[in-house]
ModelCIF file with pLDDT and N, C-alpha, C, O atoms, coordinates in Angstrom:
data_MODEL
#
_entry.id   MODEL 
#
_entity.id                         1 
_entity.type                       polymer 
_entity.pdbx_number_of_molecules   1 
#
_entity_poly.entity_id                      1 
_entity_poly.type                           'polypeptide(L)' 
_entity_poly.nstd_linkage                   no 
_entity_poly.nstd_monomer                   no 
_entity_poly.pdbx_seq_one_letter_code       ARRQIENTVKEKQKLFQEDNGLPIHLKGGSKDALLYRATITLTVFGAA 
_entity_poly.pdbx_seq_one_letter_code_can   ARRQIENTVKEKQKLFQEDNGLPIHLKGGSKDALLYRATITLTVFGAA 
_entity_poly.pdbx_strand_id                 A 
#
loop_
_entity_poly_seq.entity_id 
_entity_poly_seq.num 
_entity_poly_seq.mon_id 
_entity_poly_seq.hetero 
1 1  ALA n 
1 2  ARG n 
1 3  ARG n 
1 4  GLN n 
1 5  ILE n 
1 6  GLU n 
1 7  ASN n 
1 8  THR n 
1 9  VAL n 
1 10 LYS n 
1 11 GLU n 
1 12 LYS n 
1 13 GLN n 
1 14 LYS n 
1 15 LEU n 
1 16 PHE n 
1 17 GLN n 
1 18 GLU n 
1 19 ASP n 
1 20 ASN n 
1 21 GLY n 
1 22 LEU n 
1 23 PRO n 
1 24 ILE n 
1 25 HIS n 
1 26 LEU n 
1 27 LYS n 
1 28 GLY n 
1 29 GLY n 
1 30 SER n 
1 31 LYS n 
1 32 ASP n 
1 33 ALA n 
1 34 LEU n 
1 35 LEU n 
1 36 TYR n 
1 37 ARG n 
1 38 ALA n 
1 39 THR n 
1 40 ILE n 
1 41 THR n 
1 42 LEU n 
1 43 THR n 
1 44 VAL n 
1 45 PHE n 
1 46 GLY n 
1 47 ALA n 
1 48 ALA n 
#
_struct_asym.id          A 
_struct_asym.entity_id   1 
#
loop_
_ma_qa_metric.id 
_ma_qa_metric.mode 
_ma_qa_metric.name 
_ma_qa_metric.software_group_id 
_ma_qa_metric.type 
1 global pLDDT . pLDDT 
2 local  pLDDT . pLDDT 
#
_ma_qa_metric_global.metric_id      1 
_ma_qa_metric_global.metric_value   89.56 
_ma_qa_metric_global.model_id       1 
_ma_qa_metric_global.ordinal_id     1 
#
loop_
_ma_qa_metric_local.label_asym_id 
_ma_qa_metric_local.label_comp_id 
_ma_qa_metric_local.label_seq_id 
_ma_qa_metric_local.metric_id 
_ma_qa_metric_local.metric_value 
_ma_qa_metric_local.model_id 
_ma_qa_metric_local.ordinal_id 
A ALA 1  2 58.00 1 1  
A ARG 2  2 63.00 1 2  
A ARG 3  2 71.00 1 3  
A GLN 4  2 80.00 1 4  
A ILE 5  2 85.00 1 5  
A GLU 6  2 88.00 1 6  
A ASN 7  2 89.00 1 7  
A THR 8  2 89.00 1 8  
A VAL 9  2 91.00 1 9  
A LYS 10 2 92.00 1 10 
A GLU 11 2 90.00 1 11 
A LYS 12 2 88.00 1 12 
A GLN 13 2 90.00 1 13 
A LYS 14 2 91.00 1 14 
A LEU 15 2 87.00 1 15 
A PHE 16 2 88.00 1 16 
A GLN 17 2 90.00 1 17 
A GLU 18 2 89.00 1 18 
A ASP 19 2 90.00 1 19 
A ASN 20 2 88.00 1 20 
A GLY 21 2 88.00 1 21 
A LEU 22 2 87.00 1 22 
A PRO 23 2 89.00 1 23 
A ILE 24 2 88.00 1 24 
A HIS 25 2 86.00 1 25 
A LEU 26 2 86.00 1 26 
A LYS 27 2 88.00 1 27 
A GLY 28 2 86.00 1 28 
A GLY 29 2 87.00 1 29 
A SER 30 2 90.00 1 30 
A LYS 31 2 92.00 1 31 
A ASP 32 2 91.00 1 32 
A ALA 33 2 92.00 1 33 
A LEU 34 2 95.00 1 34 
A LEU 35 2 94.00 1 35 
A TYR 36 2 93.00 1 36 
A ARG 37 2 95.00 1 37 
A ALA 38 2 97.00 1 38 
A THR 39 2 97.00 1 39 
A ILE 40 2 97.00 1 40 
A THR 41 2 98.00 1 41 
A LEU 42 2 98.00 1 42 
A THR 43 2 98.00 1 43 
A VAL 44 2 98.00 1 44 
A PHE 45 2 98.00 1 45 
A GLY 46 2 98.00 1 46 
A ALA 47 2 98.00 1 47 
A ALA 48 2 98.00 1 48 
#
loop_
_atom_site.group_PDB 
_atom_site.id 
_atom_site.type_symbol 
_atom_site.label_atom_id 
_atom_site.label_alt_id 
_atom_site.label_comp_id 
_atom_site.label_asym_id 
_atom_site.label_entity_id 
_atom_site.label_seq_id 
_atom_site.pdbx_PDB_ins_code 
_atom_site.Cartn_x 
_atom_site.Cartn_y 
_atom_site.Cartn_z 
_atom_site.occupancy 
_atom_site.B_iso_or_equiv 
_atom_site.pdbx_formal_charge 
_atom_site.auth_seq_id 
_atom_site.auth_comp_id 
_atom_site.auth_asym_id 
_atom_site.auth_atom_id 
_atom_site.pdbx_PDB_model_num 
ATOM 1   N N  . ALA A 1 1  ? 0.851  -1.195 0.000  1.00 58.00 ? 1  ALA A N  1 
ATOM 2   C CA . ALA A 1 1  ? 0.000  0.000  0.000  1.00 58.00 ? 1  ALA A CA 1 
ATOM 3   C C  . ALA A 1 1  ? 0.880  1.236  0.000  1.00 58.00 ? 1  ALA A C  1 
ATOM 4   O O  . ALA A 1 1  ? 1.804  1.359  0.804  1.00 58.00 ? 1  ALA A O  1 
ATOM 5   N N  . ARG A 1 2  ? 0.586  2.136  -0.898 1.00 63.00 ? 2  ARG A N  1 
ATOM 6   C CA . ARG A 1 2  ? 1.342  3.381  -0.967 1.00 63.00 ? 2  ARG A CA 1 
ATOM 7   C C  . ARG A 1 2  ? 0.639  4.430  -0.124 1.00 63.00 ? 2  ARG A C  1 
ATOM 8   O O  . ARG A 1 2  ? -0.586 4.545  -0.146 1.00 63.00 ? 2  ARG A O  1 
ATOM 9   N N  . ARG A 1 3  ? 1.417  5.181  0.607  1.00 71.00 ? 3  ARG A N  1 
ATOM 10  C CA . ARG A 1 3  ? 0.869  6.229  1.455  1.00 71.00 ? 3  ARG A CA 1 
ATOM 11  C C  . ARG A 1 3  ? 0.460  7.418  0.602  1.00 71.00 ? 3  ARG A C  1 
ATOM 12  O O  . ARG A 1 3  ? 1.243  7.913  -0.208 1.00 71.00 ? 3  ARG A O  1 
ATOM 13  N N  . GLN A 1 4  ? -0.747 7.862  0.787  1.00 80.00 ? 4  GLN A N  1 
ATOM 14  C CA . GLN A 1 4  ? -1.229 9.004  0.036  1.00 80.00 ? 4  GLN A CA 1 
ATOM 15  C C  . GLN A 1 4  ? -0.847 10.281 0.769  1.00 80.00 ? 4  GLN A C  1 
ATOM 16  O O  . GLN A 1 4  ? -1.128 10.429 1.958  1.00 80.00 ? 4  GLN A O  1 
ATOM 17  N N  . ILE A 1 5  ? -0.208 11.197 0.062  1.00 85.00 ? 5  ILE A N  1 
ATOM 18  C CA . ILE A 1 5  ? 0.205  12.469 0.635  1.00 85.00 ? 5  ILE A CA 1 
ATOM 19  C C  . ILE A 1 5  ? -0.718 13.544 0.081  1.00 85.00 ? 5  ILE A C  1 
ATOM 20  O O  . ILE A 1 5  ? -0.930 13.643 -1.128 1.00 85.00 ? 5  ILE A O  1 
ATOM 21  N N  . GLU A 1 6  ? -1.253 14.333 0.974  1.00 88.00 ? 6  GLU A N  1 
ATOM 22  C CA . GLU A 1 6  ? -2.177 15.384 0.554  1.00 88.00 ? 6  GLU A CA 1 
ATOM 23  C C  . GLU A 1 6  ? -1.402 16.517 -0.113 1.00 88.00 ? 6  GLU A C  1 
ATOM 24  O O  . GLU A 1 6  ? -0.347 16.930 0.369  1.00 88.00 ? 6  GLU A O  1 
ATOM 25  N N  . ASN A 1 7  ? -1.927 17.001 -1.205 1.00 89.00 ? 7  ASN A N  1 
ATOM 26  C CA . ASN A 1 7  ? -1.297 18.087 -1.939 1.00 89.00 ? 7  ASN A CA 1 
ATOM 27  C C  . ASN A 1 7  ? -1.622 19.418 -1.257 1.00 89.00 ? 7  ASN A C  1 
ATOM 28  O O  . ASN A 1 7  ? -2.787 19.808 -1.180 1.00 89.00 ? 7  ASN A O  1 
ATOM 29  N N  . THR A 1 8  ? -0.606 20.108 -0.767 1.00 89.00 ? 8  THR A N  1 
ATOM 30  C CA . THR A 1 8  ? -0.812 21.373 -0.056 1.00 89.00 ? 8  THR A CA 1 
ATOM 31  C C  . THR A 1 8  ? -0.214 22.556 -0.807 1.00 89.00 ? 8  THR A C  1 
ATOM 32  O O  . THR A 1 8  ? 0.015  23.612 -0.217 1.00 89.00 ? 8  THR A O  1 
ATOM 33  N N  . VAL A 1 9  ? 0.036  22.394 -2.079 1.00 91.00 ? 9  VAL A N  1 
ATOM 34  C CA . VAL A 1 9  ? 0.674  23.462 -2.849 1.00 91.00 ? 9  VAL A CA 1 
ATOM 35  C C  . VAL A 1 9  ? -0.225 24.695 -2.938 1.00 91.00 ? 9  VAL A C  1 
ATOM 36  O O  . VAL A 1 9  ? 0.254  25.818 -2.786 1.00 91.00 ? 9  VAL A O  1 
ATOM 37  N N  . LYS A 1 10 ? -1.499 24.503 -3.179 1.00 92.00 ? 10 LYS A N  1 
ATOM 38  C CA . LYS A 1 10 ? -2.416 25.642 -3.298 1.00 92.00 ? 10 LYS A CA 1 
ATOM 39  C C  . LYS A 1 10 ? -2.454 26.461 -2.006 1.00 92.00 ? 10 LYS A C  1 
ATOM 40  O O  . LYS A 1 10 ? -2.462 27.692 -2.044 1.00 92.00 ? 10 LYS A O  1 
ATOM 41  N N  . GLU A 1 11 ? -2.477 25.766 -0.856 1.00 90.00 ? 11 GLU A N  1 
ATOM 42  C CA . GLU A 1 11 ? -2.507 26.480 0.422  1.00 90.00 ? 11 GLU A CA 1 
ATOM 43  C C  . GLU A 1 11 ? -1.215 27.245 0.649  1.00 90.00 ? 11 GLU A C  1 
ATOM 44  O O  . GLU A 1 11 ? -1.243 28.372 1.142  1.00 90.00 ? 11 GLU A O  1 
ATOM 45  N N  . LYS A 1 12 ? -0.086 26.649 0.296  1.00 88.00 ? 12 LYS A N  1 
ATOM 46  C CA . LYS A 1 12 ? 1.204  27.335 0.436  1.00 88.00 ? 12 LYS A CA 1 
ATOM 47  C C  . LYS A 1 12 ? 1.280  28.536 -0.495 1.00 88.00 ? 12 LYS A C  1 
ATOM 48  O O  . LYS A 1 12 ? 1.822  29.575 -0.118 1.00 88.00 ? 12 LYS A O  1 
ATOM 49  N N  . GLN A 1 13 ? 0.741  28.410 -1.713 1.00 90.00 ? 13 GLN A N  1 
ATOM 50  C CA . GLN A 1 13 ? 0.732  29.531 -2.635 1.00 90.00 ? 13 GLN A CA 1 
ATOM 51  C C  . GLN A 1 13 ? -0.076 30.683 -2.076 1.00 90.00 ? 13 GLN A C  1 
ATOM 52  O O  . GLN A 1 13 ? 0.347  31.835 -2.169 1.00 90.00 ? 13 GLN A O  1 
ATOM 53  N N  . LYS A 1 14 ? -1.235 30.395 -1.493 1.00 91.00 ? 14 LYS A N  1 
ATOM 54  C CA . LYS A 1 14 ? -2.045 31.455 -0.887 1.00 91.00 ? 14 LYS A CA 1 
ATOM 55  C C  . LYS A 1 14 ? -1.298 32.125 0.246  1.00 91.00 ? 14 LYS A C  1 
ATOM 56  O O  . LYS A 1 14 ? -1.328 33.350 0.370  1.00 91.00 ? 14 LYS A O  1 
ATOM 57  N N  . LEU A 1 15 ? -0.628 31.342 1.074  1.00 87.00 ? 15 LEU A N  1 
ATOM 58  C CA . LEU A 1 15 ? 0.121  31.881 2.204  1.00 87.00 ? 15 LEU A CA 1 
ATOM 59  C C  . LEU A 1 15 ? 1.225  32.817 1.748  1.00 87.00 ? 15 LEU A C  1 
ATOM 60  O O  . LEU A 1 15 ? 1.394  33.898 2.313  1.00 87.00 ? 15 LEU A O  1 
ATOM 61  N N  . PHE A 1 16 ? 1.972  32.422 0.741  1.00 88.00 ? 16 PHE A N  1 
ATOM 62  C CA . PHE A 1 16 ? 3.108  33.227 0.313  1.00 88.00 ? 16 PHE A CA 1 
ATOM 63  C C  . PHE A 1 16 ? 2.715  34.378 -0.598 1.00 88.00 ? 16 PHE A C  1 
ATOM 64  O O  . PHE A 1 16 ? 3.503  35.309 -0.762 1.00 88.00 ? 16 PHE A O  1 
ATOM 65  N N  . GLN A 1 17 ? 1.521  34.356 -1.202 1.00 90.00 ? 17 GLN A N  1 
ATOM 66  C CA . GLN A 1 17 ? 1.119  35.430 -2.103 1.00 90.00 ? 17 GLN A CA 1 
ATOM 67  C C  . GLN A 1 17 ? 0.286  36.506 -1.433 1.00 90.00 ? 17 GLN A C  1 
ATOM 68  O O  . GLN A 1 17 ? 0.075  37.561 -2.031 1.00 90.00 ? 17 GLN A O  1 
ATOM 69  N N  . GLU A 1 18 ? -0.199 36.285 -0.214 1.00 89.00 ? 18 GLU A N  1 
ATOM 70  C CA . GLU A 1 18 ? -1.015 37.306 0.435  1.00 89.00 ? 18 GLU A CA 1 
ATOM 71  C C  . GLU A 1 18 ? -0.142 38.487 0.849  1.00 89.00 ? 18 GLU A C  1 
ATOM 72  O O  . GLU A 1 18 ? 1.022  38.323 1.214  1.00 89.00 ? 18 GLU A O  1 
ATOM 73  N N  . ASP A 1 19 ? -0.720 39.657 0.784  1.00 90.00 ? 19 ASP A N  1 
ATOM 74  C CA . ASP A 1 19 ? 0.010  40.896 1.068  1.00 90.00 ? 19 ASP A CA 1 
ATOM 75  C C  . ASP A 1 19 ? -0.190 41.259 2.541  1.00 90.00 ? 19 ASP A C  1 
ATOM 76  O O  . ASP A 1 19 ? -1.174 41.904 2.901  1.00 90.00 ? 19 ASP A O  1 
ATOM 77  N N  . ASN A 1 20 ? 0.750  40.839 3.385  1.00 88.00 ? 20 ASN A N  1 
ATOM 78  C CA . ASN A 1 20 ? 0.646  41.151 4.802  1.00 88.00 ? 20 ASN A CA 1 
ATOM 79  C C  . ASN A 1 20 ? 1.834  41.958 5.312  1.00 88.00 ? 20 ASN A C  1 
ATOM 80  O O  . ASN A 1 20 ? 2.000  42.108 6.522  1.00 88.00 ? 20 ASN A O  1 
ATOM 81  N N  . GLY A 1 21 ? 2.652  42.473 4.420  1.00 88.00 ? 21 GLY A N  1 
ATOM 82  C CA . GLY A 1 21 ? 3.761  43.337 4.794  1.00 88.00 ? 21 GLY A CA 1 
ATOM 83  C C  . GLY A 1 21 ? 5.016  42.608 5.244  1.00 88.00 ? 21 GLY A C  1 
ATOM 84  O O  . GLY A 1 21 ? 6.012  43.256 5.566  1.00 88.00 ? 21 GLY A O  1 
ATOM 85  N N  . LEU A 1 22 ? 4.999  41.286 5.275  1.00 87.00 ? 22 LEU A N  1 
ATOM 86  C CA . LEU A 1 22 ? 6.181  40.535 5.683  1.00 87.00 ? 22 LEU A CA 1 
ATOM 87  C C  . LEU A 1 22 ? 7.056  40.222 4.480  1.00 87.00 ? 22 LEU A C  1 
ATOM 88  O O  . LEU A 1 22 ? 6.544  39.981 3.386  1.00 87.00 ? 22 LEU A O  1 
ATOM 89  N N  . PRO A 1 23 ? 8.369  40.223 4.669  1.00 89.00 ? 23 PRO A N  1 
ATOM 90  C CA . PRO A 1 23 ? 9.232  39.779 3.575  1.00 89.00 ? 23 PRO A CA 1 
ATOM 91  C C  . PRO A 1 23 ? 9.027  38.287 3.312  1.00 89.00 ? 23 PRO A C  1 
ATOM 92  O O  . PRO A 1 23 ? 8.575  37.552 4.190  1.00 89.00 ? 23 PRO A O  1 
ATOM 93  N N  . ILE A 1 24 ? 9.355  37.855 2.126  1.00 88.00 ? 24 ILE A N  1 
ATOM 94  C CA . ILE A 1 24 ? 9.054  36.494 1.698  1.00 88.00 ? 24 ILE A CA 1 
ATOM 95  C C  . ILE A 1 24 ? 9.770  35.461 2.559  1.00 88.00 ? 24 ILE A C  1 
ATOM 96  O O  . ILE A 1 24 ? 9.253  34.360 2.753  1.00 88.00 ? 24 ILE A O  1 
ATOM 97  N N  . HIS A 1 25 ? 10.957 35.794 3.084  1.00 86.00 ? 25 HIS A N  1 
ATOM 98  C CA . HIS A 1 25 ? 11.699 34.809 3.860  1.00 86.00 ? 25 HIS A CA 1 
ATOM 99  C C  . HIS A 1 25 ? 11.166 34.667 5.284  1.00 86.00 ? 25 HIS A C  1 
ATOM 100 O O  . HIS A 1 25 ? 11.672 33.833 6.035  1.00 86.00 ? 25 HIS A O  1 
ATOM 101 N N  . LEU A 1 26 ? 10.163 35.452 5.681  1.00 86.00 ? 26 LEU A N  1 
ATOM 102 C CA . LEU A 1 26 ? 9.568  35.339 7.007  1.00 86.00 ? 26 LEU A CA 1 
ATOM 103 C C  . LEU A 1 26 ? 8.093  34.939 6.974  1.00 86.00 ? 26 LEU A C  1 
ATOM 104 O O  . LEU A 1 26 ? 7.455  34.858 8.023  1.00 86.00 ? 26 LEU A O  1 
ATOM 105 N N  . LYS A 1 27 ? 7.551  34.690 5.796  1.00 88.00 ? 27 LYS A N  1 
ATOM 106 C CA . LYS A 1 27 ? 6.128  34.361 5.686  1.00 88.00 ? 27 LYS A CA 1 
ATOM 107 C C  . LYS A 1 27 ? 5.801  32.949 6.142  1.00 88.00 ? 27 LYS A C  1 
ATOM 108 O O  . LYS A 1 27 ? 4.624  32.613 6.272  1.00 88.00 ? 27 LYS A O  1 
ATOM 109 N N  . GLY A 1 28 ? 6.796  32.114 6.388  1.00 86.00 ? 28 GLY A N  1 
ATOM 110 C CA . GLY A 1 28 ? 6.553  30.747 6.817  1.00 86.00 ? 28 GLY A CA 1 
ATOM 111 C C  . GLY A 1 28 ? 6.187  30.615 8.279  1.00 86.00 ? 28 GLY A C  1 
ATOM 112 O O  . GLY A 1 28 ? 5.793  29.534 8.716  1.00 86.00 ? 28 GLY A O  1 
ATOM 113 N N  . GLY A 1 29 ? 6.305  31.693 9.053  1.00 87.00 ? 29 GLY A N  1 
ATOM 114 C CA . GLY A 1 29 ? 5.913  31.642 10.459 1.00 87.00 ? 29 GLY A CA 1 
ATOM 115 C C  . GLY A 1 29 ? 7.089  31.763 11.402 1.00 87.00 ? 29 GLY A C  1 
ATOM 116 O O  . GLY A 1 29 ? 8.152  32.269 11.043 1.00 87.00 ? 29 GLY A O  1 
ATOM 117 N N  . SER A 1 30 ? 6.874  31.286 12.620 1.00 90.00 ? 30 SER A N  1 
ATOM 118 C CA . SER A 1 30 ? 7.882  31.452 13.669 1.00 90.00 ? 30 SER A CA 1 
ATOM 119 C C  . SER A 1 30 ? 9.140  30.631 13.389 1.00 90.00 ? 30 SER A C  1 
ATOM 120 O O  . SER A 1 30 ? 10.237 31.035 13.776 1.00 90.00 ? 30 SER A O  1 
ATOM 121 N N  . LYS A 1 31 ? 8.996  29.494 12.726 1.00 92.00 ? 31 LYS A N  1 
ATOM 122 C CA . LYS A 1 31 ? 10.169 28.684 12.401 1.00 92.00 ? 31 LYS A CA 1 
ATOM 123 C C  . LYS A 1 31 ? 11.089 29.435 11.444 1.00 92.00 ? 31 LYS A C  1 
ATOM 124 O O  . LYS A 1 31 ? 12.310 29.382 11.592 1.00 92.00 ? 31 LYS A O  1 
ATOM 125 N N  . ASP A 1 32 ? 10.520 30.127 10.474 1.00 91.00 ? 32 ASP A N  1 
ATOM 126 C CA . ASP A 1 32 ? 11.326 30.920 9.551  1.00 91.00 ? 32 ASP A CA 1 
ATOM 127 C C  . ASP A 1 32 ? 12.019 32.063 10.281 1.00 91.00 ? 32 ASP A C  1 
ATOM 128 O O  . ASP A 1 32 ? 13.187 32.350 10.017 1.00 91.00 ? 32 ASP A O  1 
ATOM 129 N N  . ALA A 1 33 ? 11.307 32.719 11.197 1.00 92.00 ? 33 ALA A N  1 
ATOM 130 C CA . ALA A 1 33 ? 11.907 33.819 11.945 1.00 92.00 ? 33 ALA A CA 1 
ATOM 131 C C  . ALA A 1 33 ? 13.060 33.319 12.809 1.00 92.00 ? 33 ALA A C  1 
ATOM 132 O O  . ALA A 1 33 ? 14.095 33.978 12.909 1.00 92.00 ? 33 ALA A O  1 
ATOM 133 N N  . LEU A 1 34 ? 12.883 32.158 13.432 1.00 95.00 ? 34 LEU A N  1 
ATOM 134 C CA . LEU A 1 34 ? 13.944 31.589 14.264 1.00 95.00 ? 34 LEU A CA 1 
ATOM 135 C C  . LEU A 1 34 ? 15.162 31.220 13.418 1.00 95.00 ? 34 LEU A C  1 
ATOM 136 O O  . LEU A 1 34 ? 16.294 31.507 13.809 1.00 95.00 ? 34 LEU A O  1 
ATOM 137 N N  . LEU A 1 35 ? 14.945 30.597 12.278 1.00 94.00 ? 35 LEU A N  1 
ATOM 138 C CA . LEU A 1 35 ? 16.057 30.251 11.389 1.00 94.00 ? 35 LEU A CA 1 
ATOM 139 C C  . LEU A 1 35 ? 16.761 31.493 10.871 1.00 94.00 ? 35 LEU A C  1 
ATOM 140 O O  . LEU A 1 35 ? 17.987 31.501 10.752 1.00 94.00 ? 35 LEU A O  1 
ATOM 141 N N  . TYR A 1 36 ? 16.010 32.539 10.562 1.00 93.00 ? 36 TYR A N  1 
ATOM 142 C CA . TYR A 1 36 ? 16.593 33.790 10.083 1.00 93.00 ? 36 TYR A CA 1 
ATOM 143 C C  . TYR A 1 36 ? 17.478 34.412 11.155 1.00 93.00 ? 36 TYR A C  1 
ATOM 144 O O  . TYR A 1 36 ? 18.602 34.828 10.875 1.00 93.00 ? 36 TYR A O  1 
ATOM 145 N N  . ARG A 1 37 ? 16.967 34.475 12.384 1.00 95.00 ? 37 ARG A N  1 
ATOM 146 C CA . ARG A 1 37 ? 17.748 35.079 13.474 1.00 95.00 ? 37 ARG A CA 1 
ATOM 147 C C  . ARG A 1 37 ? 18.994 34.261 13.790 1.00 95.00 ? 37 ARG A C  1 
ATOM 148 O O  . ARG A 1 37 ? 20.054 34.824 14.064 1.00 95.00 ? 37 ARG A O  1 
ATOM 149 N N  . ALA A 1 38 ? 18.875 32.949 13.754 1.00 97.00 ? 38 ALA A N  1 
ATOM 150 C CA . ALA A 1 38 ? 20.039 32.093 14.006 1.00 97.00 ? 38 ALA A CA 1 
ATOM 151 C C  . ALA A 1 38 ? 21.095 32.285 12.913 1.00 97.00 ? 38 ALA A C  1 
ATOM 152 O O  . ALA A 1 38 ? 22.291 32.313 13.203 1.00 97.00 ? 38 ALA A O  1 
ATOM 153 N N  . THR A 1 39 ? 20.660 32.415 11.678 1.00 97.00 ? 39 THR A N  1 
ATOM 154 C CA . THR A 1 39 ? 21.590 32.624 10.571 1.00 97.00 ? 39 THR A CA 1 
ATOM 155 C C  . THR A 1 39 ? 22.305 33.954 10.704 1.00 97.00 ? 39 THR A C  1 
ATOM 156 O O  . THR A 1 39 ? 23.520 34.029 10.519 1.00 97.00 ? 39 THR A O  1 
ATOM 157 N N  . ILE A 1 40 ? 21.560 35.006 11.025 1.00 97.00 ? 40 ILE A N  1 
ATOM 158 C CA . ILE A 1 40 ? 22.174 36.327 11.189 1.00 97.00 ? 40 ILE A CA 1 
ATOM 159 C C  . ILE A 1 40 ? 23.156 36.311 12.357 1.00 97.00 ? 40 ILE A C  1 
ATOM 160 O O  . ILE A 1 40 ? 24.244 36.877 12.254 1.00 97.00 ? 40 ILE A O  1 
ATOM 161 N N  . THR A 1 41 ? 22.788 35.675 13.460 1.00 98.00 ? 41 THR A N  1 
ATOM 162 C CA . THR A 1 41 ? 23.672 35.615 14.625 1.00 98.00 ? 41 THR A CA 1 
ATOM 163 C C  . THR A 1 41 ? 24.966 34.876 14.306 1.00 98.00 ? 41 THR A C  1 
ATOM 164 O O  . THR A 1 41 ? 26.052 35.345 14.645 1.00 98.00 ? 41 THR A O  1 
ATOM 165 N N  . LEU A 1 42 ? 24.852 33.723 13.656 1.00 98.00 ? 42 LEU A N  1 
ATOM 166 C CA . LEU A 1 42 ? 26.052 32.976 13.283 1.00 98.00 ? 42 LEU A CA 1 
ATOM 167 C C  . LEU A 1 42 ? 26.917 33.748 12.299 1.00 98.00 ? 42 LEU A C  1 
ATOM 168 O O  . LEU A 1 42 ? 28.144 33.673 12.369 1.00 98.00 ? 42 LEU A O  1 
ATOM 169 N N  . THR A 1 43 ? 26.305 34.486 11.389 1.00 98.00 ? 43 THR A N  1 
ATOM 170 C CA . THR A 1 43 ? 27.057 35.278 10.422 1.00 98.00 ? 43 THR A CA 1 
ATOM 171 C C  . THR A 1 43 ? 27.836 36.389 11.117 1.00 98.00 ? 43 THR A C  1 
ATOM 172 O O  . THR A 1 43 ? 29.011 36.606 10.819 1.00 98.00 ? 43 THR A O  1 
ATOM 173 N N  . VAL A 1 44 ? 27.186 37.092 12.044 1.00 98.00 ? 44 VAL A N  1 
ATOM 174 C CA . VAL A 1 44 ? 27.853 38.193 12.756 1.00 98.00 ? 44 VAL A CA 1 
ATOM 175 C C  . VAL A 1 44 ? 29.005 37.662 13.602 1.00 98.00 ? 44 VAL A C  1 
ATOM 176 O O  . VAL A 1 44 ? 30.106 38.210 13.557 1.00 98.00 ? 44 VAL A O  1 
ATOM 177 N N  . PHE A 1 45 ? 28.763 36.597 14.375 1.00 98.00 ? 45 PHE A N  1 
ATOM 178 C CA . PHE A 1 45 ? 29.830 36.035 15.195 1.00 98.00 ? 45 PHE A CA 1 
ATOM 179 C C  . PHE A 1 45 ? 30.950 35.447 14.338 1.00 98.00 ? 45 PHE A C  1 
ATOM 180 O O  . PHE A 1 45 ? 32.123 35.556 14.698 1.00 98.00 ? 45 PHE A O  1 
ATOM 181 N N  . GLY A 1 46 ? 30.609 34.836 13.228 1.00 98.00 ? 46 GLY A N  1 
ATOM 182 C CA . GLY A 1 46 ? 31.630 34.295 12.333 1.00 98.00 ? 46 GLY A CA 1 
ATOM 183 C C  . GLY A 1 46 ? 32.484 35.383 11.717 1.00 98.00 ? 46 GLY A C  1 
ATOM 184 O O  . GLY A 1 46 ? 33.703 35.240 11.623 1.00 98.00 ? 46 GLY A O  1 
ATOM 185 N N  . ALA A 1 47 ? 31.853 36.474 11.295 1.00 98.00 ? 47 ALA A N  1 
ATOM 186 C CA . ALA A 1 47 ? 32.613 37.589 10.726 1.00 98.00 ? 47 ALA A CA 1 
ATOM 187 C C  . ALA A 1 47 ? 33.517 38.223 11.783 1.00 98.00 ? 47 ALA A C  1 
ATOM 188 O O  . ALA A 1 47 ? 34.659 38.574 11.487 1.00 98.00 ? 47 ALA A O  1 
ATOM 189 N N  . ALA A 1 48 ? 33.018 38.375 13.014 1.00 98.00 ? 48 ALA A N  1 
ATOM 190 C CA . ALA A 1 48 ? 33.833 38.933 14.089 1.00 98.00 ? 48 ALA A CA 1 
ATOM 191 C C  . ALA A 1 48 ? 35.027 38.018 14.388 1.00 98.00 ? 48 ALA A C  1 
ATOM 192 O O  . ALA A 1 48 ? 35.832 38.322 15.268 1.00 98.00 ? 48 ALA A O  1 
#
């Protein structure tokens, strides 16, 4: 039996295309914001 995976592309398209004033790299929610902040922090400390 093959596992059926629900197609969520339409929902993701709606999420990323709505105009809510957020940049595209933060529209994924709190996980995106956390990854963004961690990346910036590592970049600053690495450059220093």
